C-alpha atoms as a PDB file:
ATOM      1  CA  MET A   1      60.044  -5.922   4.365  1.00  0.00           C
ATOM      2  CA  ILE A   2      58.732  -2.409   5.093  1.00  0.00           C
ATOM      3  CA  ASP A   3      55.876  -2.864   2.619  1.00  0.00           C
ATOM      4  CA  VAL A   4      54.735  -6.012   4.440  1.00  0.00           C
ATOM      5  CA  VAL A   5      54.825  -4.245   7.845  1.00  0.00           C
ATOM      6  CA  CYS A   6      52.898  -1.304   6.468  1.00  0.00           C
ATOM      7  CA  THR A   7      50.319  -3.527   4.856  1.00  0.00           C
ATOM      8  CA  CYS A   8      49.866  -5.457   8.152  1.00  0.00           C
ATOM      9  CA  VAL A   9      49.571  -2.190  10.150  1.00  0.00           C
ATOM     10  CA  LEU A  10      46.948  -0.823   7.679  1.00  0.00           C
ATOM     11  CA  MET A  11      44.963  -4.097   7.830  1.00  0.00           C
ATOM     12  CA  ALA A  12      44.994  -3.962  11.589  1.00  0.00           C
ATOM     13  CA  PHE A  13      43.924  -0.364  11.580  1.00  0.00           C
ATOM     14  CA  TYR A  14      41.036  -1.159   9.127  1.00  0.00           C
ATOM     15  CA  LYS A  15      39.841  -4.034  11.272  1.00  0.00           C
ATOM     16  CA  GLY A  16      39.938  -1.804  14.344  1.00  0.00           C
ATOM     17  CA  LEU A  17      37.799   0.792  12.541  1.00  0.00           C
ATOM     18  CA  VAL A  18      35.350  -1.757  11.350  1.00  0.00           C
ATOM     19  CA  LYS A  19      35.015  -3.123  14.962  1.00  0.00           C
ATOM     20  CA  GLN A  20      34.542   0.356  16.474  1.00  0.00           C
ATOM     21  CA  GLN A  21      31.839   1.049  13.838  1.00  0.00           C
ATOM     22  CA  ASP A  22      30.056  -2.207  14.535  1.00  0.00           C
ATOM     23  CA  ASP A  23      30.168  -1.446  18.279  1.00  0.00           C
ATOM     24  CA  TYR A  24      28.819   2.001  17.643  1.00  0.00           C
ATOM     25  CA  PHE A  25      25.951   0.686  15.565  1.00  0.00           C
ATOM     26  CA  LYS A  26      25.026  -1.897  18.184  1.00  0.00           C
ATOM     27  CA  ARG A  27      25.001   0.769  20.927  1.00  0.00           C
ATOM     28  CA  TYR A  28      23.062   3.129  18.666  1.00  0.00           C
ATOM     29  CA  ASP A  29      20.432   0.497  18.012  1.00  0.00           C
ATOM     30  CA  THR A  30      19.936  -0.385  21.674  1.00  0.00           C
ATOM     31  CA  GLU A  31      19.919   3.287  22.970  1.00  0.00           C
ATOM     32  CA  THR A  32      17.984   5.107  20.230  1.00  0.00           C
ATOM     33  CA  LEU A  33      14.232   5.396  19.703  1.00  0.00           C
ATOM     34  CA  THR A  34      13.621   5.824  15.973  1.00  0.00           C
ATOM     35  CA  ILE A  35      10.323   7.003  14.556  1.00  0.00           C
ATOM     36  CA  THR A  36       9.822   7.040  10.778  1.00  0.00           C
ATOM     37  CA  LYS A  37       7.032   8.289   8.578  1.00  0.00           C
ATOM     38  CA  PHE A  38       5.782  10.610  11.212  1.00  0.00           C
ATOM     39  CA  SER A  39       4.800  14.133  10.454  1.00  0.00           C
ATOM     40  CA  TYR A  40       3.444  17.114  12.256  1.00  0.00           C
ATOM     41  CA  MET A  41       1.925  20.126  10.667  1.00  0.00           C
ATOM     42  CA  LEU A  42       2.290  23.505  12.223  1.00  0.00           C
ATOM     43  CA  SER A  43       0.076  26.462  11.291  1.00  0.00           C
ATOM     44  CA  ASN A  44      -0.107  30.144  12.134  1.00  0.00           C
ATOM     45  CA  LEU A  45       3.668  30.449  11.994  1.00  0.00           C
ATOM     46  CA  PRO A  46       5.266  33.811  11.730  1.00  0.00           C
ATOM     47  CA  ALA A  47       6.180  35.099   8.285  1.00  0.00           C
ATOM     48  CA  ASP A  48       9.602  34.363   6.847  1.00  0.00           C
ATOM     49  CA  GLU A  49      10.694  37.828   7.569  1.00  0.00           C
ATOM     50  CA  PHE A  50      10.438  37.053  11.321  1.00  0.00           C
ATOM     51  CA  PHE A  51      13.327  34.627  10.791  1.00  0.00           C
ATOM     52  CA  ASN A  52      15.222  37.016   8.405  1.00  0.00           C
ATOM     53  CA  ASN A  53      14.208  34.738   5.615  1.00  0.00           C
ATOM     54  CA  ASP A  54      16.668  32.100   6.966  1.00  0.00           C
ATOM     55  CA  ASP A  55      15.254  28.658   7.234  1.00  0.00           C
ATOM     56  CA  ASN A  56      18.097  27.613   9.507  1.00  0.00           C
ATOM     57  CA  ILE A  57      16.957  30.040  12.157  1.00  0.00           C
ATOM     58  CA  PHE A  58      13.386  28.685  11.764  1.00  0.00           C
ATOM     59  CA  ARG A  59      14.617  25.044  12.070  1.00  0.00           C
ATOM     60  CA  MET A  60      16.759  25.899  15.095  1.00  0.00           C
ATOM     61  CA  ARG A  61      13.915  27.587  16.891  1.00  0.00           C
ATOM     62  CA  LEU A  62      11.567  24.611  16.154  1.00  0.00           C
ATOM     63  CA  TRP A  63      14.254  22.064  17.277  1.00  0.00           C
ATOM     64  CA  LEU A  64      14.832  23.873  20.610  1.00  0.00           C
ATOM     65  CA  GLN A  65      11.037  24.062  21.204  1.00  0.00           C
ATOM     66  CA  PHE A  66      10.599  20.363  20.501  1.00  0.00           C
ATOM     67  CA  GLU A  67      13.499  19.486  22.788  1.00  0.00           C
ATOM     68  CA  LYS A  68      11.995  21.747  25.527  1.00  0.00           C
ATOM     69  CA  ILE A  69       8.564  20.050  25.137  1.00  0.00           C
ATOM     70  CA  LEU A  70      10.132  16.525  25.178  1.00  0.00           C
ATOM     71  CA  THR A  71      12.342  17.330  28.195  1.00  0.00           C
ATOM     72  CA  GLU A  72       9.393  18.796  30.236  1.00  0.00           C
ATOM     73  CA  GLN A  73       7.116  15.864  29.307  1.00  0.00           C
ATOM     74  CA  GLY A  74       9.934  13.416  30.166  1.00  0.00           C
ATOM     75  CA  GLU A  75      10.534  15.000  33.539  1.00  0.00           C
ATOM     76  CA  ARG A  76       6.703  14.845  34.297  1.00  0.00           C
ATOM     77  CA  GLU A  77       6.265  11.354  33.121  1.00  0.00           C
ATOM     78  CA  TYR A  78       9.534   9.786  34.377  1.00  0.00           C
ATOM     79  CA  PRO A  79      10.559  11.701  37.528  1.00  0.00           C
ATOM     80  CA  GLU A  80      13.160   9.135  38.390  1.00  0.00           C
ATOM     81  CA  LEU A  81      15.065  10.291  35.203  1.00  0.00           C
ATOM     82  CA  ARG A  82      14.783  13.982  35.969  1.00  0.00           C
ATOM     83  CA  GLN A  83      18.541  14.467  36.360  1.00  0.00           C
ATOM     84  CA  ASP A  84      19.191  12.654  33.045  1.00  0.00           C
ATOM     85  CA  PHE A  85      16.729  14.956  31.244  1.00  0.00           C
ATOM     86  CA  GLN A  86      18.395  18.012  32.775  1.00  0.00           C
ATOM     87  CA  ASP A  87      21.846  16.733  31.809  1.00  0.00           C
ATOM     88  CA  ASN A  88      20.468  16.449  28.176  1.00  0.00           C
ATOM     89  CA  LYS A  89      21.122  12.649  28.017  1.00  0.00           C
ATOM     90  CA  TYR A  90      17.846  12.383  26.090  1.00  0.00           C
ATOM     91  CA  GLN A  91      17.675  14.677  23.116  1.00  0.00           C
ATOM     92  CA  LEU A  92      16.700  14.876  19.547  1.00  0.00           C
ATOM     93  CA  SER A  93      19.374  13.578  17.202  1.00  0.00           C
ATOM     94  CA  ASP A  94      17.758  14.326  13.815  1.00  0.00           C
ATOM     95  CA  ILE A  95      14.602  15.899  12.386  1.00  0.00           C
ATOM     96  CA  GLN A  96      13.837  16.255   8.696  1.00  0.00           C
ATOM     97  CA  PHE A  97      12.195  19.653   8.128  1.00  0.00           C
ATOM     98  CA  ALA A  98      10.076  20.588   5.063  1.00  0.00           C
ATOM     99  CA  LYS A  99       8.125  23.722   4.444  1.00  0.00           C
ATOM    100  CA  ASN A 100       5.343  23.494   2.058  1.00  0.00           C
ATOM    101  CA  ASN A 101       2.558  25.657   0.784  1.00  0.00           C
ATOM    102  CA  PHE A 102      -0.586  24.329   2.502  1.00  0.00           C
ATOM    103  CA  LYS A 103      -2.659  24.839  -0.585  1.00  0.00           C
ATOM    104  CA  GLU A 104      -0.753  21.978  -2.209  1.00  0.00           C
ATOM    105  CA  GLY A 105      -1.371  19.602   0.798  1.00  0.00           C
ATOM    106  CA  PRO A 106      -4.594  18.046  -0.421  1.00  0.00           C
ATOM    107  CA  ILE A 107      -3.160  17.595  -3.922  1.00  0.00           C
ATOM    108  CA  ILE A 108       0.005  16.033  -2.608  1.00  0.00           C
ATOM    109  CA  ALA A 109      -2.051  13.776  -0.303  1.00  0.00           C
ATOM    110  CA  SER A 110      -4.171  12.692  -3.227  1.00  0.00           C
ATOM    111  CA  TYR A 111      -1.139  11.994  -5.297  1.00  0.00           C
ATOM    112  CA  ILE A 112       0.451   9.867  -2.469  1.00  0.00           C
ATOM    113  CA  GLN A 113      -2.841   8.029  -2.078  1.00  0.00           C
ATOM    114  CA  ASN A 114      -3.136   7.298  -5.773  1.00  0.00           C
ATOM    115  CA  SER A 115       0.512   6.184  -5.985  1.00  0.00           C
ATOM    116  CA  GLU A 116       0.094   3.726  -3.082  1.00  0.00           C
ATOM    117  CA  GLU A 117      -3.070   2.379  -4.745  1.00  0.00           C
ATOM    118  CA  LEU A 118      -1.202   2.126  -7.984  1.00  0.00           C
ATOM    119  CA  GLU A 119       1.482  -0.041  -6.278  1.00  0.00           C
ATOM    120  CA  GLN A 120      -1.268  -2.295  -4.888  1.00  0.00           C
ATOM    121  CA  GLN A 121      -2.909  -2.625  -8.251  1.00  0.00           C
ATOM    122  CA  GLU A 122       0.347  -3.525  -9.987  1.00  0.00           C
ATOM    123  CA  ALA A 123       0.988  -6.079  -7.314  1.00  0.00           C
ATOM    124  CA  ARG A 124      -2.437  -7.528  -7.953  1.00  0.00           C
ATOM    125  CA  LEU A 125      -1.859  -7.418 -11.679  1.00  0.00           C
ATOM    126  CA  SER A 126       1.298  -9.544 -11.357  1.00  0.00           C
ATOM    127  CA  LYS A 127      -0.533 -12.044  -9.163  1.00  0.00           C
ATOM    128  CA  PHE A 128      -3.355 -12.373 -11.601  1.00  0.00           C
ATOM    129  CA  VAL A 129      -0.902 -12.753 -14.521  1.00  0.00           C
ATOM    130  CA  GLU A 130       0.745 -15.615 -12.660  1.00  0.00           C
ATOM    131  CA  GLU A 131      -2.659 -17.203 -12.082  1.00  0.00           C
ATOM    132  CA  TYR A 132      -3.800 -16.462 -15.706  1.00  0.00           C
ATOM    133  CA  ARG A 133      -7.009 -14.792 -14.522  1.00  0.00           C
ATOM    134  CA  GLU A 134      -7.866 -12.887 -17.635  1.00  0.00           C
ATOM    135  CA  ASP A 135     -10.928 -10.968 -16.390  1.00  0.00           C
ATOM    136  CA  ASP A 136      -9.158  -9.804 -13.265  1.00  0.00           C
ATOM    137  CA  ILE A 137      -6.164  -8.775 -15.395  1.00  0.00           C
ATOM    138  CA  THR A 138      -8.392  -6.610 -17.639  1.00  0.00           C
ATOM    139  CA  LYS A 139     -10.119  -4.916 -14.672  1.00  0.00           C
ATOM    140  CA  THR A 140      -6.804  -4.220 -12.869  1.00  0.00           C
ATOM    141  CA  LYS A 141      -5.210  -2.736 -16.013  1.00  0.00           C
ATOM    142  CA  LYS A 142      -8.158  -0.314 -16.279  1.00  0.00           C
ATOM    143  CA  ASN A 143      -7.760   0.621 -12.565  1.00  0.00           C
ATOM    144  CA  ILE A 144      -4.078   1.326 -13.228  1.00  0.00           C
ATOM    145  CA  GLU A 145      -4.863   3.480 -16.224  1.00  0.00           C
ATOM    146  CA  VAL A 146      -7.439   5.452 -14.165  1.00  0.00           C
ATOM    147  CA  LEU A 147      -4.832   5.931 -11.381  1.00  0.00           C
ATOM    148  CA  HIS A 148      -2.262   7.197 -13.879  1.00  0.00           C
ATOM    149  CA  VAL A 149      -4.800   9.747 -15.189  1.00  0.00           C
ATOM    150  CA  LYS A 150      -5.568  10.876 -11.614  1.00  0.00           C
ATOM    151  CA  MET A 151      -1.891  11.227 -10.758  1.00  0.00           C
ATOM    152  CA  ASP A 152      -1.214  13.244 -13.946  1.00  0.00           C
ATOM    153  CA  LYS A 153      -4.102  15.565 -13.095  1.00  0.00           C
ATOM    154  CA  ASP A 154      -2.646  16.044  -9.587  1.00  0.00           C
ATOM    155  CA  LYS A 155       0.680  16.854 -11.167  1.00  0.00           C
ATOM    156  CA  GLU A 156      -0.879  19.395 -13.525  1.00  0.00           C
ATOM    157  CA  LYS A 157      -2.717  21.008 -10.571  1.00  0.00           C
ATOM    158  CA  MET A 158       0.596  21.293  -8.628  1.00  0.00           C
ATOM    159  CA  LYS A 159       2.302  22.841 -11.711  1.00  0.00           C
ATOM    160  CA  LYS A 160      -0.454  25.380 -12.100  1.00  0.00           C
ATOM    161  CA  MET A 161      -0.256  26.302  -8.315  1.00  0.00           C
ATOM    162  CA  LYS A 162       3.489  26.720  -8.603  1.00  0.00           C
ATOM    163  CA  GLY A 163       3.008  28.974 -11.639  1.00  0.00           C
ATOM    164  CA  THR A 164       0.484  31.178  -9.814  1.00  0.00           C
ATOM    165  CA  ASP A 165       2.635  31.286  -6.686  1.00  0.00           C
ATOM    166  CA  ASN A 166       5.637  32.487  -8.785  1.00  0.00           C
ATOM    167  CA  LYS A 167       3.586  35.220 -10.406  1.00  0.00           C
ATOM    168  CA  SER A 168       2.513  36.830  -7.112  1.00  0.00           C
END
């Protein structure tokens, strides 16, 4: 009998947790502004030694600066919400940070552009195969080969840059 009662209690507890989680996600979706695939490049930053070679200190300082800018801008643009901004009701919840050697930037951009083009060419190829368009299939296969070569060259350039960075 105790087993049945324990099982019922656990099932009720589980259902309660699922309901709370669903309620949270609904609230999160309605109250949160989400921006994806957005990047911002910062230049002329202090050397790593300024932050004691600790990326967490660097991230914290950037985070605080971004929150300060957003709060000040929010207070200017929405004066009726000034108190909410001062009470930190609007704040950043997550930022993905990445530090990268700027010399690699153009190569990485080229690689990303080529990989996106490759996806498009492969989609075209599958469409042409379905329609049995032999001349388009041949052209698209050649385009895909060219893109693979370009991407391999970009990979090699990045490997060489990493090798020269490690030597210095």
